[in-house]
Amino acid sequence: MNNSKLDSRFYPEVYQAVAGNNYTVYAYLNDGSVREFDVKPLIKQGGIFKKIEDKEIFKNTLTVLNGTVAWDIAGNRNEYECIDIDPMTIFKSPIVPDIPEI
């Protein structure tokens, strides 16, 4: 779907998130697109994102909370204890045809 033709009331929502190689996330959005989001720049910034630098934590805690890509660090699906990314940031990521073979 062409982004410029979206209804002005449209707000992106992530339905599914899959961890890719090299700190990428493939997010399926409510407009039917699949977006490839590179998390490396956020991890390099440090702060809260330093918690997902460990590849096992990155892959094993990735989920969808609050309608967006999130990491359930506490393991209790509490939306206030997760690390999440603004869905508009995900929406602005490159569209890919589907998840490449991982």
PDB file of N, CA and C in Angstrom:
ATOM      1  N   MET A   1       0.844  -1.168   0.000  1.00  0.00           N
ATOM      2  CA  MET A   1       0.000   0.000   0.000  1.00  0.00           C
ATOM      3  C   MET A   1       0.891   1.234   0.000  1.00  0.00           C
ATOM      4  N   ASN A   2       0.551   2.207  -0.790  1.00  0.00           N
ATOM      5  CA  ASN A   2       1.314   3.441  -0.883  1.00  0.00           C
ATOM      6  C   ASN A   2       1.051   4.287   0.359  1.00  0.00           C
ATOM      7  N   ASN A   3       2.106   4.639   1.081  1.00  0.00           N
ATOM      8  CA  ASN A   3       1.966   5.403   2.328  1.00  0.00           C
ATOM      9  C   ASN A   3       1.241   6.725   2.119  1.00  0.00           C
ATOM     10  N   SER A   4       1.441   7.391   0.985  1.00  0.00           N
ATOM     11  CA  SER A   4       0.831   8.690   0.761  1.00  0.00           C
ATOM     12  C   SER A   4      -0.674   8.587   0.574  1.00  0.00           C
ATOM     13  N   LYS A   5      -1.176   7.412   0.290  1.00  0.00           N
ATOM     14  CA  LYS A   5      -2.608   7.240   0.074  1.00  0.00           C
ATOM     15  C   LYS A   5      -3.333   6.729   1.312  1.00  0.00           C
ATOM     16  N   LEU A   6      -2.614   6.585   2.420  1.00  0.00           N
ATOM     17  CA  LEU A   6      -3.254   6.121   3.640  1.00  0.00           C
ATOM     18  C   LEU A   6      -4.159   7.199   4.199  1.00  0.00           C
ATOM     19  N   ASP A   7      -5.253   6.786   4.778  1.00  0.00           N
ATOM     20  CA  ASP A   7      -6.172   7.699   5.440  1.00  0.00           C
ATOM     21  C   ASP A   7      -5.419   8.476   6.515  1.00  0.00           C
ATOM     22  N   SER A   8      -5.693   9.746   6.660  1.00  0.00           N
ATOM     23  CA  SER A   8      -4.981  10.567   7.638  1.00  0.00           C
ATOM     24  C   SER A   8      -5.227  10.103   9.074  1.00  0.00           C
ATOM     25  N   ARG A   9      -6.241   9.287   9.294  1.00  0.00           N
ATOM     26  CA  ARG A   9      -6.525   8.764  10.627  1.00  0.00           C
ATOM     27  C   ARG A   9      -5.823   7.434  10.879  1.00  0.00           C
ATOM     28  N   PHE A  10      -5.135   6.924   9.884  1.00  0.00           N
ATOM     29  CA  PHE A  10      -4.448   5.639  10.017  1.00  0.00           C
ATOM     30  C   PHE A  10      -3.342   5.735  11.053  1.00  0.00           C
ATOM     31  N   TYR A  11      -3.266   4.735  11.904  1.00  0.00           N
ATOM     32  CA  TYR A  11      -2.155   4.632  12.840  1.00  0.00           C
ATOM     33  C   TYR A  11      -1.649   3.198  12.776  1.00  0.00           C
ATOM     34  N   PRO A  12      -0.355   3.016  12.545  1.00  0.00           N
ATOM     35  CA  PRO A  12       0.175   1.662  12.378  1.00  0.00           C
ATOM     36  C   PRO A  12       0.091   0.845  13.665  1.00  0.00           C
ATOM     37  N   GLU A  13      -0.159  -0.431  13.465  1.00  0.00           N
ATOM     38  CA  GLU A  13      -0.173  -1.380  14.575  1.00  0.00           C
ATOM     39  C   GLU A  13       0.551  -2.635  14.115  1.00  0.00           C
ATOM     40  N   VAL A  14       1.394  -3.161  14.965  1.00  0.00           N
ATOM     41  CA  VAL A  14       2.147  -4.368  14.660  1.00  0.00           C
ATOM     42  C   VAL A  14       1.353  -5.572  15.140  1.00  0.00           C
ATOM     43  N   TYR A  15       1.186  -6.547  14.249  1.00  0.00           N
ATOM     44  CA  TYR A  15       0.478  -7.779  14.594  1.00  0.00           C
ATOM     45  C   TYR A  15       1.426  -8.911  14.970  1.00  0.00           C
ATOM     46  N   GLN A  16       2.611  -8.916  14.347  1.00  0.00           N
ATOM     47  CA  GLN A  16       3.574  -9.984  14.608  1.00  0.00           C
ATOM     48  C   GLN A  16       4.975  -9.426  14.446  1.00  0.00           C
ATOM     49  N   ALA A  17       5.890  -9.907  15.281  1.00  0.00           N
ATOM     50  CA  ALA A  17       7.294  -9.500  15.198  1.00  0.00           C
ATOM     51  C   ALA A  17       8.164 -10.746  15.237  1.00  0.00           C
ATOM     52  N   VAL A  18       9.122 -10.822  14.319  1.00  0.00           N
ATOM     53  CA  VAL A  18      10.006 -11.978  14.214  1.00  0.00           C
ATOM     54  C   VAL A  18      11.446 -11.480  14.232  1.00  0.00           C
ATOM     55  N   ALA A  19      12.269 -12.080  15.081  1.00  0.00           N
ATOM     56  CA  ALA A  19      13.677 -11.702  15.151  1.00  0.00           C
ATOM     57  C   ALA A  19      14.423 -12.234  13.937  1.00  0.00           C
ATOM     58  N   GLY A  20      15.179 -11.362  13.310  1.00  0.00           N
ATOM     59  CA  GLY A  20      16.025 -11.760  12.200  1.00  0.00           C
ATOM     60  C   GLY A  20      17.470 -11.836  12.661  1.00  0.00           C
ATOM     61  N   ASN A  21      18.341 -12.018  11.706  1.00  0.00           N
ATOM     62  CA  ASN A  21      19.770 -12.052  12.008  1.00  0.00           C
ATOM     63  C   ASN A  21      20.290 -10.638  12.218  1.00  0.00           C
ATOM     64  N   ASN A  22      21.372 -10.531  12.960  1.00  0.00           N
ATOM     65  CA  ASN A  22      22.096  -9.282  13.110  1.00  0.00           C
ATOM     66  C   ASN A  22      21.224  -8.138  13.657  1.00  0.00           C
ATOM     67  N   TYR A  23      20.415  -8.439  14.668  1.00  0.00           N
ATOM     68  CA  TYR A  23      19.591  -7.446  15.358  1.00  0.00           C
ATOM     69  C   TYR A  23      18.596  -6.737  14.442  1.00  0.00           C
ATOM     70  N   THR A  24      17.939  -7.505  13.614  1.00  0.00           N
ATOM     71  CA  THR A  24      16.838  -6.961  12.823  1.00  0.00           C
ATOM     72  C   THR A  24      15.542  -7.591  13.313  1.00  0.00           C
ATOM     73  N   VAL A  25      14.463  -6.861  13.098  1.00  0.00           N
ATOM     74  CA  VAL A  25      13.123  -7.356  13.434  1.00  0.00           C
ATOM     75  C   VAL A  25      12.264  -7.207  12.189  1.00  0.00           C
ATOM     76  N   TYR A  26      11.503  -8.238  11.884  1.00  0.00           N
ATOM     77  CA  TYR A  26      10.530  -8.195  10.797  1.00  0.00           C
ATOM     78  C   TYR A  26       9.168  -8.047  11.439  1.00  0.00           C
ATOM     79  N   ALA A  27       8.498  -6.940  11.122  1.00  0.00           N
ATOM     80  CA  ALA A  27       7.220  -6.625  11.744  1.00  0.00           C
ATOM     81  C   ALA A  27       6.114  -6.649  10.700  1.00  0.00           C
ATOM     82  N   TYR A  28       5.058  -7.401  10.990  1.00  0.00           N
ATOM     83  CA  TYR A  28       3.857  -7.436  10.150  1.00  0.00           C
ATOM     84  C   TYR A  28       2.894  -6.381  10.678  1.00  0.00           C
ATOM     85  N   LEU A  29       2.520  -5.439   9.813  1.00  0.00           N
ATOM     86  CA  LEU A  29       1.682  -4.327  10.238  1.00  0.00           C
ATOM     87  C   LEU A  29       0.245  -4.435   9.726  1.00  0.00           C
ATOM     88  N   ASN A  30      -0.619  -3.615  10.307  1.00  0.00           N
ATOM     89  CA  ASN A  30      -2.035  -3.644   9.965  1.00  0.00           C
ATOM     90  C   ASN A  30      -2.353  -3.068   8.593  1.00  0.00           C
ATOM     91  N   ASP A  31      -1.383  -2.540   7.876  1.00  0.00           N
ATOM     92  CA  ASP A  31      -1.620  -2.104   6.499  1.00  0.00           C
ATOM     93  C   ASP A  31      -1.258  -3.212   5.507  1.00  0.00           C
ATOM     94  N   GLY A  32      -0.875  -4.383   6.038  1.00  0.00           N
ATOM     95  CA  GLY A  32      -0.527  -5.519   5.185  1.00  0.00           C
ATOM     96  C   GLY A  32       0.947  -5.595   4.830  1.00  0.00           C
ATOM     97  N   SER A  33       1.726  -4.630   5.257  1.00  0.00           N
ATOM     98  CA  SER A  33       3.149  -4.627   4.912  1.00  0.00           C
ATOM     99  C   SER A  33       3.973  -5.384   5.947  1.00  0.00           C
ATOM    100  N   VAL A  34       5.164  -5.779   5.498  1.00  0.00           N
ATOM    101  CA  VAL A  34       6.174  -6.348   6.385  1.00  0.00           C
ATOM    102  C   VAL A  34       7.322  -5.346   6.371  1.00  0.00           C
ATOM    103  N   ARG A  35       7.736  -4.910   7.555  1.00  0.00           N
ATOM    104  CA  ARG A  35       8.797  -3.917   7.663  1.00  0.00           C
ATOM    105  C   ARG A  35      10.027  -4.536   8.316  1.00  0.00           C
ATOM    106  N   GLU A  36      11.185  -4.140   7.831  1.00  0.00           N
ATOM    107  CA  GLU A  36      12.454  -4.602   8.401  1.00  0.00           C
ATOM    108  C   GLU A  36      13.033  -3.464   9.235  1.00  0.00           C
ATOM    109  N   PHE A  37      13.107  -3.686  10.544  1.00  0.00           N
ATOM    110  CA  PHE A  37      13.583  -2.663  11.465  1.00  0.00           C
ATOM    111  C   PHE A  37      14.944  -3.069  12.016  1.00  0.00           C
ATOM    112  N   ASP A  38      15.926  -2.204  11.834  1.00  0.00           N
ATOM    113  CA  ASP A  38      17.287  -2.449  12.296  1.00  0.00           C
ATOM    114  C   ASP A  38      17.437  -1.870  13.702  1.00  0.00           C
ATOM    115  N   VAL A  39      17.687  -2.726  14.677  1.00  0.00           N
ATOM    116  CA  VAL A  39      17.769  -2.307  16.074  1.00  0.00           C
ATOM    117  C   VAL A  39      19.203  -1.921  16.474  1.00  0.00           C
ATOM    118  N   LYS A  40      20.186  -2.241  15.644  1.00  0.00           N
ATOM    119  CA  LYS A  40      21.588  -1.969  15.997  1.00  0.00           C
ATOM    120  C   LYS A  40      21.856  -0.529  16.424  1.00  0.00           C
ATOM    121  N   PRO A  41      21.345   0.479  15.713  1.00  0.00           N
ATOM    122  CA  PRO A  41      21.617   1.861  16.149  1.00  0.00           C
ATOM    123  C   PRO A  41      21.097   2.152  17.563  1.00  0.00           C
ATOM    124  N   LEU A  42      19.972   1.579  17.923  1.00  0.00           N
ATOM    125  CA  LEU A  42      19.438   1.792  19.275  1.00  0.00           C
ATOM    126  C   LEU A  42      20.310   1.110  20.324  1.00  0.00           C
ATOM    127  N   ILE A  43      20.766  -0.097  20.012  1.00  0.00           N
ATOM    128  CA  ILE A  43      21.630  -0.818  20.949  1.00  0.00           C
ATOM    129  C   ILE A  43      22.938  -0.061  21.139  1.00  0.00           C
ATOM    130  N   LYS A  44      23.480   0.499  20.061  1.00  0.00           N
ATOM    131  CA  LYS A  44      24.727   1.258  20.152  1.00  0.00           C
ATOM    132  C   LYS A  44      24.568   2.512  21.000  1.00  0.00           C
ATOM    133  N   GLN A  45      23.357   3.073  21.051  1.00  0.00           N
ATOM    134  CA  GLN A  45      23.108   4.254  21.883  1.00  0.00           C
ATOM    135  C   GLN A  45      23.199   3.919  23.366  1.00  0.00           C
ATOM    136  N   GLY A  46      22.988   2.650  23.687  1.00  0.00           N
ATOM    137  CA  GLY A  46      23.051   2.235  25.083  1.00  0.00           C
ATOM    138  C   GLY A  46      21.751   2.494  25.812  1.00  0.00           C
ATOM    139  N   GLY A  47      21.854   2.861  27.065  1.00  0.00           N
ATOM    140  CA  GLY A  47      20.658   3.100  27.869  1.00  0.00           C
ATOM    141  C   GLY A  47      19.844   1.830  28.018  1.00  0.00           C
ATOM    142  N   ILE A  48      18.555   1.963  27.964  1.00  0.00           N
ATOM    143  CA  ILE A  48      17.642   0.834  28.141  1.00  0.00           C
ATOM    144  C   ILE A  48      17.868  -0.252  27.092  1.00  0.00           C
ATOM    145  N   PHE A  49      18.287   0.137  25.893  1.00  0.00           N
ATOM    146  CA  PHE A  49      18.468  -0.826  24.808  1.00  0.00           C
ATOM    147  C   PHE A  49      19.680  -1.734  25.006  1.00  0.00           C
ATOM    148  N   LYS A  50      20.557  -1.374  25.931  1.00  0.00           N
ATOM    149  CA  LYS A  50      21.712  -2.221  26.248  1.00  0.00           C
ATOM    150  C   LYS A  50      21.240  -3.585  26.761  1.00  0.00           C
ATOM    151  N   LYS A  51      20.037  -3.622  27.340  1.00  0.00           N
ATOM    152  CA  LYS A  51      19.483  -4.868  27.884  1.00  0.00           C
ATOM    153  C   LYS A  51      19.222  -5.922  26.809  1.00  0.00           C
ATOM    154  N   ILE A  52      19.056  -5.501  25.561  1.00  0.00           N
ATOM    155  CA  ILE A  52      18.770  -6.475  24.492  1.00  0.00           C
ATOM    156  C   ILE A  52      19.982  -6.728  23.606  1.00  0.00           C
ATOM    157  N   GLU A  53      21.156  -6.315  24.051  1.00  0.00           N
ATOM    158  CA  GLU A  53      22.381  -6.545  23.283  1.00  0.00           C
ATOM    159  C   GLU A  53      22.729  -8.032  23.220  1.00  0.00           C
ATOM    160  N   ASP A  54      22.427  -8.763  24.271  1.00  0.00           N
ATOM    161  CA  ASP A  54      22.643 -10.214  24.270  1.00  0.00           C
ATOM    162  C   ASP A  54      21.688 -10.830  23.246  1.00  0.00           C
ATOM    163  N   LYS A  55      22.257 -11.547  22.277  1.00  0.00           N
ATOM    164  CA  LYS A  55      21.438 -12.082  21.173  1.00  0.00           C
ATOM    165  C   LYS A  55      20.323 -13.008  21.647  1.00  0.00           C
ATOM    166  N   GLU A  56      20.570 -13.784  22.696  1.00  0.00           N
ATOM    167  CA  GLU A  56      19.525 -14.678  23.208  1.00  0.00           C
ATOM    168  C   GLU A  56      18.376 -13.883  23.815  1.00  0.00           C
ATOM    169  N   ILE A  57      18.699 -12.853  24.568  1.00  0.00           N
ATOM    170  CA  ILE A  57      17.651 -11.995  25.140  1.00  0.00           C
ATOM    171  C   ILE A  57      16.906 -11.285  24.018  1.00  0.00           C
ATOM    172  N   PHE A  58      17.646 -10.778  23.030  1.00  0.00           N
ATOM    173  CA  PHE A  58      17.033 -10.100  21.890  1.00  0.00           C
ATOM    174  C   PHE A  58      15.994 -10.998  21.220  1.00  0.00           C
ATOM    175  N   LYS A  59      16.367 -12.232  20.941  1.00  0.00           N
ATOM    176  CA  LYS A  59      15.469 -13.145  20.229  1.00  0.00           C
ATOM    177  C   LYS A  59      14.370 -13.729  21.119  1.00  0.00           C
ATOM    178  N   ASN A  60      14.720 -14.088  22.342  1.00  0.00           N
ATOM    179  CA  ASN A  60      13.775 -14.807  23.193  1.00  0.00           C
ATOM    180  C   ASN A  60      12.759 -13.928  23.909  1.00  0.00           C
ATOM    181  N   THR A  61      13.013 -12.637  24.005  1.00  0.00           N
ATOM    182  CA  THR A  61      12.050 -11.762  24.676  1.00  0.00           C
ATOM    183  C   THR A  61      11.264 -10.893  23.702  1.00  0.00           C
ATOM    184  N   LEU A  62      11.589 -10.974  22.404  1.00  0.00           N
ATOM    185  CA  LEU A  62      10.867 -10.212  21.385  1.00  0.00           C
ATOM    186  C   LEU A  62       9.415 -10.668  21.332  1.00  0.00           C
ATOM    187  N   THR A  63       8.513  -9.696  21.306  1.00  0.00           N
ATOM    188  CA  THR A  63       7.085  -9.994  21.269  1.00  0.00           C
ATOM    189  C   THR A  63       6.348  -8.784  20.706  1.00  0.00           C
ATOM    190  N   VAL A  64       5.040  -8.823  20.761  1.00  0.00           N
ATOM    191  CA  VAL A  64       4.209  -7.670  20.427  1.00  0.00           C
ATOM    192  C   VAL A  64       3.432  -7.297  21.682  1.00  0.00           C
ATOM    193  N   LEU A  65       3.644  -6.084  22.152  1.00  0.00           N
ATOM    194  CA  LEU A  65       2.894  -5.512  23.270  1.00  0.00           C
ATOM    195  C   LEU A  65       2.520  -4.089  22.878  1.00  0.00           C
ATOM    196  N   ASN A  66       1.412  -3.618  23.337  1.00  0.00           N
ATOM    197  CA  ASN A  66       0.976  -2.247  23.032  1.00  0.00           C
ATOM    198  C   ASN A  66       0.828  -2.021  21.523  1.00  0.00           C
ATOM    199  N   GLY A  67       0.629  -3.078  20.753  1.00  0.00           N
ATOM    200  CA  GLY A  67       0.472  -2.937  19.309  1.00  0.00           C
ATOM    201  C   GLY A  67       1.748  -2.604  18.575  1.00  0.00           C
ATOM    202  N   THR A  68       2.885  -2.942  19.189  1.00  0.00           N
ATOM    203  CA  THR A  68       4.155  -2.642  18.537  1.00  0.00           C
ATOM    204  C   THR A  68       5.215  -3.666  18.920  1.00  0.00           C
ATOM    205  N   VAL A  69       6.370  -3.537  18.308  1.00  0.00           N
ATOM    206  CA  VAL A  69       7.521  -4.380  18.610  1.00  0.00           C
ATOM    207  C   VAL A  69       7.968  -4.083  20.035  1.00  0.00           C
ATOM    208  N   ALA A  70       8.166  -5.144  20.817  1.00  0.00           N
ATOM    209  CA  ALA A  70       8.567  -4.962  22.214  1.00  0.00           C
ATOM    210  C   ALA A  70       9.440  -6.130  22.661  1.00  0.00           C
ATOM    211  N   TRP A  71      10.175  -5.898  23.725  1.00  0.00           N
ATOM    212  CA  TRP A  71      10.954  -6.945  24.375  1.00  0.00           C
ATOM    213  C   TRP A  71      10.442  -7.059  25.798  1.00  0.00           C
ATOM    214  N   ASP A  72       9.950  -8.236  26.130  1.00  0.00           N
ATOM    215  CA  ASP A  72       9.373  -8.510  27.443  1.00  0.00           C
ATOM    216  C   ASP A  72      10.496  -8.939  28.384  1.00  0.00           C
ATOM    217  N   ILE A  73      11.289  -7.982  28.808  1.00  0.00           N
ATOM    218  CA  ILE A  73      12.471  -8.249  29.623  1.00  0.00           C
ATOM    219  C   ILE A  73      12.101  -8.903  30.955  1.00  0.00           C
ATOM    220  N   ALA A  74      11.039  -8.445  31.594  1.00  0.00           N
ATOM    221  CA  ALA A  74      10.630  -8.978  32.895  1.00  0.00           C
ATOM    222  C   ALA A  74       9.974 -10.359  32.768  1.00  0.00           C
ATOM    223  N   GLY A  75       9.491 -10.682  31.567  1.00  0.00           N
ATOM    224  CA  GLY A  75       8.894 -11.994  31.343  1.00  0.00           C
ATOM    225  C   GLY A  75       7.481 -12.140  31.872  1.00  0.00           C
ATOM    226  N   ASN A  76       6.795 -11.034  32.128  1.00  0.00           N
ATOM    227  CA  ASN A  76       5.447 -11.132  32.673  1.00  0.00           C
ATOM    228  C   ASN A  76       4.393 -10.437  31.811  1.00  0.00           C
ATOM    229  N   ARG A  77       4.754 -10.074  30.591  1.00  0.00           N
ATOM    230  CA  ARG A  77       3.862  -9.428  29.621  1.00  0.00           C
ATOM    231  C   ARG A  77       3.248  -8.143  30.163  1.00  0.00           C
ATOM    232  N   ASN A  78       3.963  -7.481  31.068  1.00  0.00           N
ATOM    233  CA  ASN A  78       3.510  -6.212  31.610  1.00  0.00           C
ATOM    234  C   ASN A  78       3.957  -5.108  30.664  1.00  0.00           C
ATOM    235  N   GLU A  79       3.006  -4.405  30.084  1.00  0.00           N
ATOM    236  CA  GLU A  79       3.341  -3.384  29.088  1.00  0.00           C
ATOM    237  C   GLU A  79       4.149  -2.228  29.667  1.00  0.00           C
ATOM    238  N   TYR A  80       4.174  -2.106  30.988  1.00  0.00           N
ATOM    239  CA  TYR A  80       4.942  -1.038  31.625  1.00  0.00           C
ATOM    240  C   TYR A  80       6.372  -1.461  31.962  1.00  0.00           C
ATOM    241  N   GLU A  81       6.667  -2.740  31.826  1.00  0.00           N
ATOM    242  CA  GLU A  81       8.005  -3.252  32.127  1.00  0.00           C
ATOM    243  C   GLU A  81       8.709  -3.778  30.884  1.00  0.00           C
ATOM    244  N   CYS A  82       8.261  -3.352  29.732  1.00  0.00           N
ATOM    245  CA  CYS A  82       8.869  -3.821  28.493  1.00  0.00           C
ATOM    246  C   CYS A  82       9.645  -2.681  27.843  1.00  0.00           C
ATOM    247  N   ILE A  83      10.450  -3.052  26.864  1.00  0.00           N
ATOM    248  CA  ILE A  83      11.112  -2.080  26.007  1.00  0.00           C
ATOM    249  C   ILE A  83      10.334  -2.115  24.703  1.00  0.00           C
ATOM    250  N   ASP A  84       9.756  -1.010  24.291  1.00  0.00           N
ATOM    251  CA  ASP A  84       9.006  -1.026  23.044  1.00  0.00           C
ATOM    252  C   ASP A  84       9.408   0.134  22.141  1.00  0.00           C
ATOM    253  N   ILE A  85       9.057  -0.014  20.882  1.00  0.00           N
ATOM    254  CA  ILE A  85       9.408   0.949  19.845  1.00  0.00           C
ATOM    255  C   ILE A  85       8.117   1.595  19.348  1.00  0.00           C
ATOM    256  N   ASP A  86       8.140   2.884  19.180  1.00  0.00           N
ATOM    257  CA  ASP A  86       6.972   3.582  18.651  1.00  0.00           C
ATOM    258  C   ASP A  86       6.557   2.926  17.324  1.00  0.00           C
ATOM    259  N   PRO A  87       5.290   2.538  17.185  1.00  0.00           N
ATOM    260  CA  PRO A  87       4.875   1.876  15.940  1.00  0.00           C
ATOM    261  C   PRO A  87       5.076   2.750  14.700  1.00  0.00           C
ATOM    262  N   MET A  88       5.064   4.068  14.857  1.00  0.00           N
ATOM    263  CA  MET A  88       5.312   4.933  13.703  1.00  0.00           C
ATOM    264  C   MET A  88       6.762   4.794  13.236  1.00  0.00           C
ATOM    265  N   THR A  89       7.674   4.555  14.156  1.00  0.00           N
ATOM    266  CA  THR A  89       9.076   4.313  13.805  1.00  0.00           C
ATOM    267  C   THR A  89       9.186   3.017  13.002  1.00  0.00           C
ATOM    268  N   ILE A  90       8.480   1.997  13.431  1.00  0.00           N
ATOM    269  CA  ILE A  90       8.469   0.729  12.693  1.00  0.00           C
ATOM    270  C   ILE A  90       7.885   0.946  11.305  1.00  0.00           C
ATOM    271  N   PHE A  91       6.790   1.706  11.237  1.00  0.00           N
ATOM    272  CA  PHE A  91       6.103   1.972   9.977  1.00  0.00           C
ATOM    273  C   PHE A  91       7.000   2.688   8.973  1.00  0.00           C
ATOM    274  N   LYS A  92       7.931   3.483   9.454  1.00  0.00           N
ATOM    275  CA  LYS A  92       8.830   4.230   8.572  1.00  0.00           C
ATOM    276  C   LYS A  92      10.026   3.403   8.105  1.00  0.00           C
ATOM    277  N   SER A  93      10.135   2.170   8.582  1.00  0.00           N
ATOM    278  CA  SER A  93      11.216   1.273   8.165  1.00  0.00           C
ATOM    279  C   SER A  93      10.943   0.733   6.769  1.00  0.00           C
ATOM    280  N   PRO A  94      11.977   0.222   6.112  1.00  0.00           N
ATOM    281  CA  PRO A  94      11.801  -0.305   4.754  1.00  0.00           C
ATOM    282  C   PRO A  94      10.823  -1.476   4.690  1.00  0.00           C
ATOM    283  N   ILE A  95      10.031  -1.468   3.616  1.00  0.00           N
ATOM    284  CA  ILE A  95       9.124  -2.583   3.339  1.00  0.00           C
ATOM    285  C   ILE A  95       9.933  -3.700   2.688  1.00  0.00           C
ATOM    286  N   VAL A  96       9.679  -4.928   3.112  1.00  0.00           N
ATOM    287  CA  VAL A  96      10.291  -6.099   2.495  1.00  0.00           C
ATOM    288  C   VAL A  96       9.158  -7.025   2.055  1.00  0.00           C
ATOM    289  N   PRO A  97       9.408  -7.855   1.033  1.00  0.00           N
ATOM    290  CA  PRO A  97       8.336  -8.729   0.549  1.00  0.00           C
ATOM    291  C   PRO A  97       7.881  -9.747   1.598  1.00  0.00           C
ATOM    292  N   ASP A  98       8.797 -10.219   2.406  1.00  0.00           N
ATOM    293  CA  ASP A  98       8.496 -11.176   3.475  1.00  0.00           C
ATOM    294  C   ASP A  98       9.797 -11.406   4.230  1.00  0.00           C
ATOM    295  N   ILE A  99       9.734 -12.218   5.253  1.00  0.00           N
ATOM    296  CA  ILE A  99      10.928 -12.512   6.029  1.00  0.00           C
ATOM    297  C   ILE A  99      11.849 -13.387   5.183  1.00  0.00           C
ATOM    298  N   PRO A 100      13.111 -12.978   5.037  1.00  0.00           N
ATOM    299  CA  PRO A 100      14.036 -13.850   4.327  1.00  0.00           C
ATOM    300  C   PRO A 100      14.309 -15.101   5.163  1.00  0.00           C
ATOM    301  N   GLU A 101      14.842 -16.101   4.553  1.00  0.00           N
ATOM    302  CA  GLU A 101      15.182 -17.324   5.293  1.00  0.00           C
ATOM    303  C   GLU A 101      16.139 -16.952   6.410  1.00  0.00           C
ATOM    304  N   ILE A 102      15.808 -17.354   7.594  1.00  0.00           N
ATOM    305  CA  ILE A 102      16.627 -17.014   8.756  1.00  0.00           C
ATOM    306  C   ILE A 102      17.386 -18.247   9.207  1.00  0.00           C
TER     307      ILE A 102
END
